[in-house]
Amino acid sequence: MCGRFTSTSQLSLLAEQFRADPEGAEGHQPSWNVAPATDILVITASEDGARRLRSLRWGLVPKWAKDSSSSNQLVNLRAETAGTKPTFKRLLAKQRCIIPIDGFYEWQDMGKGQRKQPIYIVARDQQPIALAGLWETWHEKGADDAERLWTCTILTTTPNKLLATIHNRMPVILPPETWGTWLDPASTDADTLAKLLVPAPDDLLMAWPVDPAVGNSRNNRPDLVEPLEGHEPRTAG
């Protein structure tokens, strides 16, 4: 899964990297501990293919949900579910987004009686990572369209060699050559798009243990991503 991540890159850098208009992301502040139920940066494409950076609430509320309570929010969605269940297959066909992040945290089980250890995972070149996401709009029955809640979720898949040593799931990381297809509004075949939802290459990422303080979402500072003393980044070899 992916329950926390960092988002500190400058908007100008993301706008250039993803060729997206940053106008909809004014006021975005860097965060070293992004948590669910907060507004996050995403990249969407309009019907004419124009890309833009915007803020959506992290935690997808399905259109059919009776309310927007936390019990209805999907922070992560399994790629297998998105590719097979009709409700989410519709989103996969028409409502996709990219979630640009710097890195993400995962909690590794250290064995019986021991506290889980947070691990920070980034690209080896430490450039922004493009996560595959889906978005949705929701509003209470009878409410005005202006009151719509815009939400999103991060798609997850089976782990690659590195992540398998940490957790049994990982977010779907889209390589640059797939960004065009993923954001193209003309790409509407869910079965074809589902084939992009695969584990990242084994040599893409590196990881290291970090301060357990990251477990408290109120802690938000640059040193949260620093390796614990005596630890070096590890890779899949």
Protein backbone atom coordinates (compact mmCIF):
# COMPACT_ATOMS: atom_id res chain seq x y z
CA MET A 1 0.00 0.00 0.00
CA CYS A 2 1.00 3.67 0.06
CA GLY A 3 -0.23 5.57 3.09
CA ARG A 4 2.32 8.38 3.39
CA PHE A 5 4.61 10.17 0.97
CA THR A 6 6.66 13.33 0.44
CA SER A 7 5.83 16.18 -1.92
CA THR A 8 8.50 18.87 -1.92
CA SER A 9 9.38 19.51 -5.57
CA GLN A 10 8.84 23.01 -6.92
CA LEU A 11 5.72 23.50 -9.03
CA SER A 12 7.84 24.85 -11.87
CA LEU A 13 9.86 21.62 -11.95
CA LEU A 14 6.74 19.43 -11.99
CA ALA A 15 5.09 21.62 -14.62
CA GLU A 16 8.10 21.20 -16.86
CA GLN A 17 8.58 17.49 -16.21
CA PHE A 18 4.93 16.59 -16.86
CA ARG A 19 4.20 19.40 -19.35
CA ALA A 20 1.29 20.55 -17.21
CA ASP A 21 -0.18 23.97 -16.49
CA PRO A 22 0.43 24.70 -12.76
CA GLU A 23 -2.31 27.32 -12.49
CA GLY A 24 -4.61 25.04 -10.50
CA ALA A 25 -2.03 24.29 -7.81
CA GLU A 26 -1.42 27.73 -6.34
CA GLY A 27 -0.69 27.71 -2.65
CA HIS A 28 0.80 24.22 -2.60
CA GLN A 29 3.24 23.87 0.27
CA PRO A 30 6.06 21.30 0.48
CA SER A 31 5.39 18.38 2.80
CA TRP A 32 7.64 15.63 4.13
CA ASN A 33 4.71 13.71 5.60
CA VAL A 34 1.65 13.77 3.35
CA ALA A 35 -1.23 11.89 4.96
CA PRO A 36 -4.63 10.70 3.70
CA ALA A 37 -7.60 13.08 3.75
CA THR A 38 -5.40 16.02 2.74
CA ASP A 39 -5.27 17.86 -0.57
CA ILE A 40 -2.49 16.58 -2.81
CA LEU A 41 -1.04 17.51 -6.19
CA VAL A 42 -2.29 15.54 -9.17
CA ILE A 43 -2.00 15.87 -12.94
CA THR A 44 -5.11 15.45 -15.05
CA ALA A 45 -5.89 15.99 -18.72
CA SER A 46 -8.92 17.74 -20.19
CA GLU A 47 -10.91 16.44 -23.15
CA ASP A 48 -8.58 18.25 -25.54
CA GLY A 49 -5.54 16.61 -23.90
CA ALA A 50 -4.26 19.70 -22.09
CA ARG A 51 -2.59 18.74 -18.82
CA ARG A 52 -2.81 20.66 -15.59
CA LEU A 53 -1.59 20.45 -12.04
CA ARG A 54 -4.38 20.68 -9.50
CA SER A 55 -5.22 19.75 -5.92
CA LEU A 56 -7.55 16.85 -5.09
CA ARG A 57 -8.45 15.30 -1.76
CA TRP A 58 -6.54 12.05 -1.14
CA GLY A 59 -9.06 9.33 -0.36
CA LEU A 60 -11.45 8.51 -3.19
CA VAL A 61 -15.15 8.70 -2.32
CA PRO A 62 -17.11 6.56 -4.82
CA LYS A 63 -20.01 8.27 -6.56
CA TRP A 64 -22.42 5.79 -5.01
CA ALA A 65 -21.33 6.44 -1.40
CA LYS A 66 -24.09 7.78 0.86
CA ASP A 67 -21.68 10.15 2.59
CA SER A 68 -18.06 11.25 2.44
CA SER A 69 -17.05 9.82 5.82
CA SER A 70 -13.65 8.17 6.24
CA SER A 71 -15.27 4.73 6.06
CA ASN A 72 -16.02 5.40 2.39
CA GLN A 73 -12.62 6.81 1.42
CA LEU A 74 -10.22 4.69 -0.61
CA VAL A 75 -6.66 5.87 -0.02
CA ASN A 76 -5.36 2.99 -2.13
CA LEU A 77 -7.07 0.80 -4.70
CA ARG A 78 -5.70 -2.53 -5.87
CA ALA A 79 -4.92 -2.51 -9.59
CA GLU A 80 -6.58 -5.91 -9.85
CA THR A 81 -9.81 -4.38 -8.52
CA ALA A 82 -9.63 -1.36 -10.82
CA GLY A 83 -9.26 -3.65 -13.82
CA THR A 84 -12.17 -5.97 -13.03
CA LYS A 85 -14.92 -4.34 -10.94
CA PRO A 86 -17.38 -2.31 -13.08
CA THR A 87 -17.46 0.71 -10.73
CA PHE A 88 -13.72 1.21 -10.85
CA LYS A 89 -13.25 -0.03 -14.39
CA ARG A 90 -15.28 3.02 -15.43
CA LEU A 91 -12.80 5.29 -13.64
CA LEU A 92 -9.88 3.43 -15.18
CA ALA A 93 -11.35 4.06 -18.61
CA LYS A 94 -12.15 7.74 -18.17
CA GLN A 95 -10.87 9.33 -14.95
CA ARG A 96 -7.15 8.76 -14.56
CA CYS A 97 -4.49 10.98 -13.05
CA ILE A 98 -0.81 11.03 -12.18
CA ILE A 99 0.24 11.78 -8.61
CA PRO A 100 3.77 13.23 -8.60
CA ILE A 101 5.73 12.50 -5.43
CA ASP A 102 9.35 12.61 -4.30
CA GLY A 103 9.24 9.35 -2.35
CA PHE A 104 6.95 7.27 -0.15
CA TYR A 105 7.02 5.58 3.24
CA GLU A 106 6.25 1.97 4.03
CA TRP A 107 6.22 0.22 7.40
CA GLN A 108 8.21 -3.02 7.57
CA ASP A 109 7.17 -5.79 9.92
CA MET A 110 10.20 -6.49 12.14
CA GLY A 111 8.83 -9.61 13.79
CA LYS A 112 6.68 -10.57 16.74
CA GLY A 113 6.80 -8.11 19.61
CA GLN A 114 8.73 -5.48 17.67
CA ARG A 115 7.48 -2.15 16.42
CA LYS A 116 7.19 -1.79 12.64
CA GLN A 117 10.05 0.19 11.11
CA PRO A 118 9.22 3.02 8.68
CA ILE A 119 11.19 2.84 5.43
CA TYR A 120 11.57 5.68 2.94
CA ILE A 121 11.63 4.70 -0.75
CA VAL A 122 12.79 6.94 -3.61
CA ALA A 123 14.00 6.66 -7.19
CA ARG A 124 17.75 5.99 -7.41
CA ASP A 125 18.21 9.27 -9.28
CA GLN A 126 15.99 10.97 -6.64
CA GLN A 127 13.81 12.55 -9.33
CA PRO A 128 10.02 12.88 -8.85
CA ILE A 129 8.04 9.66 -9.24
CA ALA A 130 4.76 9.39 -11.17
CA LEU A 131 2.15 7.30 -9.35
CA ALA A 132 -0.92 6.01 -11.17
CA GLY A 133 -4.16 7.33 -9.73
CA LEU A 134 -7.89 7.56 -10.36
CA TRP A 135 -10.19 10.47 -9.52
CA GLU A 136 -13.87 10.86 -8.82
CA THR A 137 -16.41 13.52 -7.89
CA TRP A 138 -19.03 13.13 -5.18
CA HIS A 139 -21.81 15.26 -3.75
CA GLU A 140 -24.75 14.74 -1.46
CA LYS A 141 -28.06 13.93 -3.11
CA GLY A 142 -29.74 17.14 -4.14
CA ALA A 143 -26.64 19.25 -3.60
CA ASP A 144 -25.50 21.83 -6.11
CA ASP A 145 -22.75 20.82 -8.56
CA ALA A 146 -20.57 23.57 -7.06
CA GLU A 147 -20.48 21.56 -3.84
CA ARG A 148 -18.86 18.55 -5.45
CA LEU A 149 -15.97 16.90 -3.63
CA TRP A 150 -13.05 16.01 -5.90
CA THR A 151 -11.09 13.01 -4.61
CA CYS A 152 -8.44 10.57 -5.80
CA THR A 153 -6.79 7.27 -4.95
CA ILE A 154 -3.39 5.66 -5.55
CA LEU A 155 -3.34 2.37 -7.43
CA THR A 156 -1.23 -0.43 -5.98
CA THR A 157 0.20 -3.66 -7.35
CA THR A 158 2.38 -6.57 -6.29
CA PRO A 159 5.88 -5.58 -5.09
CA ASN A 160 9.09 -5.65 -7.07
CA LYS A 161 12.22 -7.35 -5.69
CA LEU A 162 13.16 -4.47 -3.38
CA LEU A 163 9.67 -3.77 -2.03
CA ALA A 164 9.02 -7.47 -1.45
CA THR A 165 11.52 -7.28 1.41
CA ILE A 166 9.44 -4.50 2.98
CA HIS A 167 5.76 -5.01 2.18
CA ASN A 168 3.42 -7.14 0.07
CA ARG A 169 2.14 -4.23 -2.03
CA MET A 170 3.60 -1.17 -3.72
CA PRO A 171 2.17 1.84 -5.57
CA VAL A 172 2.06 1.66 -9.35
CA ILE A 173 4.90 3.81 -10.70
CA LEU A 174 4.41 4.90 -14.30
CA PRO A 175 7.56 5.24 -16.45
CA PRO A 176 7.75 8.39 -18.60
CA GLU A 177 7.00 6.53 -21.83
CA THR A 178 3.53 5.63 -20.48
CA TRP A 179 2.48 9.08 -19.25
CA GLY A 180 1.03 10.05 -22.60
CA THR A 181 -1.16 6.96 -22.83
CA TRP A 182 -2.23 7.16 -19.18
CA LEU A 183 -3.36 10.79 -19.45
CA ASP A 184 -4.73 10.62 -23.00
CA PRO A 185 -8.53 11.12 -22.86
CA ALA A 186 -8.79 9.14 -26.10
CA SER A 187 -7.40 6.05 -24.32
CA THR A 188 -10.56 4.48 -22.93
CA ASP A 189 -9.98 0.74 -23.14
CA ALA A 190 -9.73 -0.33 -19.50
CA ASP A 191 -8.29 -3.74 -20.34
CA THR A 192 -5.42 -2.16 -22.28
CA LEU A 193 -4.79 0.46 -19.58
CA ALA A 194 -4.75 -2.22 -16.89
CA LYS A 195 -1.68 -3.70 -18.53
CA LEU A 196 0.27 -0.61 -17.42
CA LEU A 197 -0.43 -1.37 -13.76
CA VAL A 198 2.63 -3.49 -13.06
CA PRO A 199 5.46 -3.49 -10.49
CA ALA A 200 8.29 -1.01 -11.02
CA PRO A 201 11.57 -2.34 -12.44
CA ASP A 202 13.79 -3.87 -9.79
CA ASP A 203 16.56 -1.36 -10.43
CA LEU A 204 14.41 1.79 -10.17
CA LEU A 205 14.27 2.36 -6.41
CA MET A 206 16.34 2.51 -3.26
CA ALA A 207 15.24 2.52 0.38
CA TRP A 208 16.42 3.19 3.92
CA PRO A 209 14.97 3.16 7.47
CA VAL A 210 13.89 6.50 8.95
CA ASP A 211 12.78 8.02 12.25
CA PRO A 212 9.55 6.46 13.63
CA ALA A 213 8.38 10.04 14.23
CA VAL A 214 7.01 9.97 10.69
CA GLY A 215 4.20 7.80 12.03
CA ASN A 216 2.63 10.94 13.53
CA SER A 217 1.22 13.03 10.69
CA ARG A 218 1.70 16.19 12.75
CA ASN A 219 5.45 15.75 12.35
CA ASN A 220 6.45 17.40 9.10
CA ARG A 221 10.08 18.36 8.64
CA PRO A 222 12.95 17.60 6.22
CA ASP A 223 14.91 15.38 8.59
CA LEU A 224 12.11 12.78 8.56
CA VAL A 225 13.57 11.38 5.34
CA GLU A 226 17.14 11.12 6.61
CA PRO A 227 18.52 7.56 7.04
CA LEU A 228 18.84 6.31 10.59
CA GLU A 229 22.39 6.51 11.86
CA GLY A 230 24.52 3.66 10.58
CA HIS A 231 22.22 2.82 7.67
CA GLU A 232 22.96 3.24 3.97
CA PRO A 233 20.43 3.13 1.10
CA ARG A 234 19.70 -0.39 -0.05
CA THR A 235 18.68 -1.54 -3.51
CA ALA A 236 17.50 -4.75 -5.13
CA GLY A 237 21.11 -5.53 -6.03
